[in-house]
Protein backbone atom coordinates (compact mmCIF):
# COMPACT_ATOMS: atom_id res chain seq x y z
CA MET A 1 114.86 94.86 79.44
CA ARG A 2 113.69 91.36 78.60
CA PRO A 3 113.64 88.68 81.32
CA ASN A 4 116.64 86.36 81.25
CA ASN A 5 114.45 83.30 80.87
CA LYS A 6 113.05 84.41 77.51
CA LYS A 7 114.49 81.44 75.62
CA GLN A 8 113.93 78.63 78.06
CA VAL A 9 113.39 76.14 75.24
CA SER A 10 113.69 76.76 71.54
CA PHE A 11 113.10 73.66 69.46
CA GLN A 12 112.49 70.03 70.10
CA GLY A 13 115.53 67.93 70.71
CA GLY A 14 118.05 70.78 70.76
CA LEU A 15 118.41 74.21 72.30
CA GLY A 16 117.34 74.50 75.91
CA THR A 17 118.71 76.78 78.60
CA GLU A 18 121.84 78.83 77.97
CA ARG A 19 124.11 76.08 79.28
CA ASP A 20 122.66 73.65 76.72
CA ARG A 21 123.44 75.77 73.67
CA SER A 22 126.54 73.76 72.85
CA ASN A 23 124.23 70.79 72.20
CA LEU A 24 122.64 72.70 69.35
CA LYS A 25 125.87 72.88 67.35
CA GLU A 26 126.04 69.10 67.31
CA THR A 27 122.33 68.90 66.51
CA LEU A 28 122.82 71.26 63.56
CA ARG A 29 125.76 69.23 62.30
CA ILE A 30 123.70 66.03 62.45
CA GLU A 31 120.76 67.79 60.81
CA HIS A 32 122.91 69.06 57.94
CA HIS A 33 124.27 65.54 57.44
CA ARG A 34 120.80 63.98 57.52
CA LEU A 35 119.44 66.43 54.98
CA GLU A 36 122.39 65.95 52.65
CA LYS A 37 122.21 62.18 52.95
CA ASN A 38 118.44 61.74 52.68
CA HIS A 39 117.52 64.81 50.61
CA ILE A 40 114.46 65.16 52.83
CA SER A 41 113.18 61.75 51.80
CA ASP A 42 110.59 61.53 54.59
CA GLU A 43 107.67 62.58 52.40
CA SER A 44 105.18 61.36 54.99
CA CYS A 45 105.92 64.59 56.84
CA TYR A 46 105.55 66.96 53.90
CA ASP A 47 105.39 66.74 50.16
CA ARG A 48 108.13 68.65 48.37
CA VAL A 49 106.15 68.97 45.15
CA ASN A 50 103.04 70.32 46.85
CA LEU A 51 105.02 73.14 48.43
CA TYR A 52 105.15 74.99 45.09
CA PHE A 53 102.10 77.20 45.03
CA GLY A 54 103.19 79.97 42.68
CA GLY A 55 100.93 81.48 40.06
CA ASP A 56 101.41 81.24 36.35
CA ASP A 57 105.12 81.97 36.69
CA ASN A 58 105.48 79.02 39.08
CA ARG A 59 107.80 81.07 41.31
CA MET A 60 109.04 79.71 44.61
CA GLU A 61 107.19 80.69 47.75
CA ARG A 62 109.09 83.22 49.87
CA ILE A 63 109.20 82.58 53.61
CA LEU A 64 110.35 85.27 56.07
CA ILE A 65 111.81 83.80 59.28
CA VAL A 66 111.72 86.28 62.18
CA ASP A 67 113.52 85.31 65.39
CA ASP A 68 116.27 86.99 67.40
CA ASP A 69 118.08 83.65 67.86
CA PRO A 70 120.24 82.89 64.78
CA GLN A 71 120.41 79.20 65.64
CA ILE A 72 116.64 78.84 65.57
CA ARG A 73 116.53 80.71 62.26
CA GLU A 74 119.11 78.30 60.85
CA VAL A 75 117.16 75.19 61.90
CA ILE A 76 114.02 76.55 60.23
CA ARG A 77 115.92 77.77 57.16
CA ILE A 78 117.48 74.34 56.56
CA HIS A 79 114.09 72.63 56.39
CA ILE A 80 112.41 75.33 54.28
CA GLU A 81 115.18 75.53 51.69
CA GLN A 82 115.39 71.74 51.40
CA SER A 83 111.68 71.81 50.53
CA GLY A 84 112.40 74.07 47.55
CA MET A 85 111.23 77.41 48.94
CA HIS A 86 113.13 80.67 49.24
CA THR A 87 113.93 82.11 52.69
CA LEU A 88 114.46 85.59 54.07
CA GLU A 89 115.55 86.34 57.64
CA ALA A 90 115.08 89.07 60.22
CA GLU A 91 116.33 89.22 63.81
CA SER A 92 113.86 91.81 65.11
CA GLY A 93 110.39 93.12 64.51
CA GLN A 94 111.80 96.28 62.95
CA GLN A 95 113.90 94.29 60.49
CA ALA A 96 110.87 92.17 59.66
CA ILE A 97 108.81 95.27 58.84
CA GLU A 98 111.64 96.60 56.65
CA ARG A 99 111.77 93.26 54.83
CA LEU A 100 107.99 93.28 54.35
CA GLU A 101 108.19 96.79 52.88
CA ALA A 102 110.95 95.86 50.44
CA GLU A 103 110.26 92.22 49.53
CA GLN A 104 107.36 90.07 48.45
CA VAL A 105 106.64 87.60 51.26
CA ASP A 106 104.16 84.71 51.21
CA VAL A 107 104.53 83.26 54.71
CA LEU A 108 105.85 84.84 57.90
CA ILE A 109 107.33 82.60 60.64
CA LEU A 110 107.21 84.92 63.64
CA ASP A 111 108.61 84.89 67.17
CA LEU A 112 106.87 87.19 69.65
CA MET A 113 109.52 88.22 72.17
CA MET A 114 112.11 90.39 70.45
CA ASP A 115 113.83 93.71 71.02
CA ASP A 116 113.26 96.61 68.62
CA ARG A 117 109.54 95.93 68.04
CA ASP A 118 108.04 92.58 69.01
CA GLY A 119 105.94 90.09 67.07
CA PHE A 120 102.65 91.72 68.09
CA GLU A 121 103.75 94.95 66.41
CA VAL A 122 104.62 93.06 63.23
CA LEU A 123 101.11 91.56 63.15
CA ARG A 124 99.59 95.02 63.69
CA TYR A 125 101.70 96.29 60.79
CA LEU A 126 100.34 93.50 58.54
CA ASN A 127 96.79 94.48 59.52
CA LYS A 128 97.36 98.18 59.01
CA ARG A 129 98.91 97.69 55.57
CA ARG A 130 96.45 94.90 54.68
CA LEU A 131 99.28 92.79 53.34
CA ASP A 132 98.39 89.40 51.91
CA VAL A 133 100.90 87.51 54.05
CA LEU A 134 100.20 84.30 55.95
CA ALA A 135 101.55 84.35 59.51
CA ILE A 136 102.54 81.42 61.71
CA VAL A 137 103.59 82.39 65.23
CA VAL A 138 106.28 80.19 66.84
CA SER A 139 106.77 81.32 70.42
CA ALA A 140 107.72 80.10 73.89
CA ARG A 141 104.70 81.99 75.25
CA ARG A 142 102.04 79.43 76.13
CA ALA A 143 99.37 81.57 77.82
CA GLU A 144 95.95 81.39 76.19
CA GLN A 145 95.64 85.19 76.17
CA ASP A 146 98.75 85.39 73.97
CA LYS A 147 97.21 82.98 71.48
CA ILE A 148 93.93 84.90 71.55
CA ALA A 149 95.78 88.19 70.96
CA THR A 150 97.82 86.92 68.00
CA LEU A 151 94.91 85.12 66.37
CA GLY A 152 92.84 88.25 66.83
CA LEU A 153 95.54 90.19 64.98
CA GLY A 154 95.21 87.81 62.05
CA ALA A 155 97.80 85.10 62.69
CA ASP A 156 96.93 81.94 60.75
CA ASP A 157 98.48 79.45 63.17
CA TYR A 158 100.32 79.33 66.51
CA MET A 159 103.00 76.86 67.59
CA THR A 160 104.64 76.78 71.00
CA LYS A 161 108.30 76.06 71.63
CA PRO A 162 109.76 73.48 71.83
CA PHE A 163 108.58 72.62 68.33
CA SER A 164 109.25 70.04 65.66
CA PRO A 165 110.68 71.58 62.45
CA MET A 166 108.93 68.87 60.44
CA GLU A 167 105.59 69.79 61.99
CA LEU A 168 106.28 73.44 61.17
CA MET A 169 106.81 72.41 57.54
CA ALA A 170 103.47 70.60 57.57
CA ARG A 171 101.78 73.73 58.90
CA ILE A 172 103.41 75.92 56.25
CA GLN A 173 102.15 73.51 53.62
CA ALA A 174 98.66 73.60 55.14
CA VAL A 175 98.30 77.41 55.18
CA LEU A 176 99.58 77.55 51.59
CA ARG A 177 96.98 74.98 50.52
CA ARG A 178 94.25 77.10 52.08
CA ARG A 179 95.44 80.11 50.12
CA HIS A 180 95.79 78.19 46.84
CA PRO A 181 93.08 75.51 46.77
CA LYS A 182 93.30 72.96 43.96
CA SER A 183 89.90 74.01 42.68
CA SER A 184 87.81 77.11 43.25
CA PRO A 185 84.63 76.67 45.29
CA PRO A 186 81.42 76.76 43.24
CA SER A 187 80.12 79.64 45.33
CA LEU A 188 81.97 82.42 47.16
CA VAL A 189 78.92 83.17 49.31
CA ILE A 190 77.31 80.68 51.69
CA ARG A 191 73.81 81.36 53.05
CA LEU A 192 72.28 79.58 56.02
CA SER A 193 68.88 81.02 56.97
CA ASN A 194 69.61 84.65 57.97
CA MET A 195 73.38 84.15 58.09
CA ILE A 196 75.52 84.96 55.04
CA LEU A 197 79.24 84.20 54.76
CA ASP A 198 81.19 86.19 52.16
CA ILE A 199 84.27 84.02 51.61
CA ASP A 200 86.02 86.47 49.27
CA ASN A 201 85.88 89.32 51.78
CA TYR A 202 86.13 87.29 55.02
CA THR A 203 82.88 88.71 56.40
CA LEU A 204 79.84 87.21 58.10
CA LEU A 205 76.47 88.98 57.89
CA ILE A 206 73.73 88.31 60.47
CA TYR A 207 70.66 90.56 60.63
CA ASN A 208 72.57 93.15 58.55
CA GLU A 209 75.35 93.19 61.16
CA LYS A 210 78.72 92.62 59.51
CA ILE A 211 81.45 90.66 61.32
CA SER A 212 85.03 90.74 60.04
CA LEU A 213 86.82 87.38 60.16
CA THR A 214 90.38 86.16 59.77
CA MET A 215 91.11 83.60 57.04
CA VAL A 216 91.05 80.71 59.53
CA GLU A 217 87.84 81.95 61.17
CA CYS A 218 86.26 82.20 57.73
CA ASP A 219 87.31 78.62 56.91
CA LEU A 220 85.88 77.41 60.23
CA MET A 221 82.55 79.19 59.69
CA GLN A 222 82.35 77.79 56.17
CA LEU A 223 82.80 74.26 57.49
CA LEU A 224 80.23 74.73 60.28
CA MET A 225 77.67 76.38 57.99
CA GLN A 226 78.03 73.57 55.46
CA ASN A 227 77.35 71.07 58.27
CA PRO A 228 74.62 72.76 60.37
CA ASP A 229 73.46 71.10 63.58
CA ARG A 230 76.00 68.34 63.08
CA VAL A 231 78.72 67.53 65.60
CA MET A 232 82.10 68.00 63.93
CA THR A 233 84.93 66.19 65.69
CA LYS A 234 88.12 68.09 66.51
CA LEU A 235 90.18 65.87 64.23
CA GLU A 236 87.66 66.31 61.41
CA ILE A 237 87.84 70.10 61.77
CA TYR A 238 91.64 70.11 61.78
CA GLN A 239 91.84 67.83 58.74
CA GLN A 240 89.50 70.04 56.71
CA VAL A 241 90.57 73.52 57.87
CA TRP A 242 94.26 73.12 58.75
CA GLN A 243 94.60 70.17 56.36
CA HIS A 244 96.81 68.06 58.59
CA GLU A 245 96.01 65.55 61.33
CA ARG A 246 98.20 66.61 64.22
CA TYR A 247 95.76 69.05 65.76
CA ASP A 248 96.37 71.49 68.59
CA ASP A 249 93.40 71.28 70.95
CA ASN A 250 94.24 74.59 72.60
CA ASN A 251 94.50 76.47 69.28
CA LEU A 252 91.14 75.10 68.15
CA SER A 253 89.55 76.05 71.46
CA VAL A 254 90.82 79.62 71.13
CA TYR A 255 89.43 79.98 67.60
CA MET A 256 86.04 78.55 68.57
CA SER A 257 85.89 80.82 71.62
CA ARG A 258 86.50 83.87 69.41
CA LEU A 259 83.85 82.81 66.91
CA ARG A 260 81.38 82.10 69.70
CA LYS A 261 81.84 85.61 71.11
CA GLN A 262 81.42 87.11 67.64
CA LEU A 263 78.06 85.33 67.26
CA GLU A 264 76.95 86.32 70.78
CA ARG A 265 77.50 90.01 69.98
CA THR A 266 74.87 89.81 67.22
CA GLN A 267 72.26 88.76 69.81
CA SER A 268 71.00 86.14 67.36
CA SER A 269 70.02 82.57 68.14
CA TRP A 270 73.12 81.20 66.44
CA GLU A 271 75.65 79.53 68.71
CA ILE A 272 78.62 77.21 68.55
CA GLN A 273 78.11 74.45 71.08
CA THR A 274 80.98 72.48 72.60
CA VAL A 275 80.28 68.76 72.72
CA ARG A 276 82.58 67.72 75.53
CA GLY A 277 85.27 65.28 74.49
CA VAL A 278 84.06 65.20 70.88
CA GLY A 279 83.98 68.54 69.05
CA TYR A 280 81.67 71.41 68.07
CA ARG A 281 78.26 72.02 66.54
CA LEU A 282 76.66 75.11 64.96
CA THR A 283 73.01 75.42 65.91
CA GLY A 284 70.29 78.05 65.94
CA ALA A 285 66.57 78.73 65.64
CA GLY A 286 66.87 79.03 61.87
CA LEU A 287 67.63 75.33 61.45
């Protein structure tokens, strides 16, 4: 049995406790009217054109929304479809896995707390099948260990509820840009002294010890290795890796903590230093 307070807050400016659910109907009505009237004209939040990242066939990106609350799914669906992308829905982890088996999915918007297989199990399924699907977790769970667990399972981003649908759109756009860069990098391998980053295979090699990385961890290591012994500000890191400016300090801290532990396990001199109040720096004896 799930605790009754599972859905304390769902999205910003709308659904709250159970007694507040009636407010969401009015919010949805207003949202529908705004979208119809403005046709998502606020392009400062996300660029409709840049959300098409298909290959040669220029197909629409397919986004799978997984949440056991139909009202939350509807809020997300409205914004995604108005941006020109195709949506699929699932109300449980099991349904999500069935969708992933039957459909081509580019991005997964994933709640964690669901009956009939939770979000963690869906992420494990993605790992086991090695599916090329980007995953953004949107959950009311705020504990750092939950973020660490999901990022460790390969999630590309983590948002906590309440959330802004427009910010979610910006994050979808950002993960798609990372997958489909405008130009290919001149080299798919970066070497810094005795440290080699294989960007194609998401692996880091130090003293012949291979470390497997997630896509975001690989992007972070690439940025740090291209700027050795230089303090990178948090905003600078978010702009270059997540490709938007509204950074989540806790998310960044979790990623850097994971990378730091990965480097420590190699017993090398490489380390990621935290510069309090500023950002992070990669340093080591090889510099």
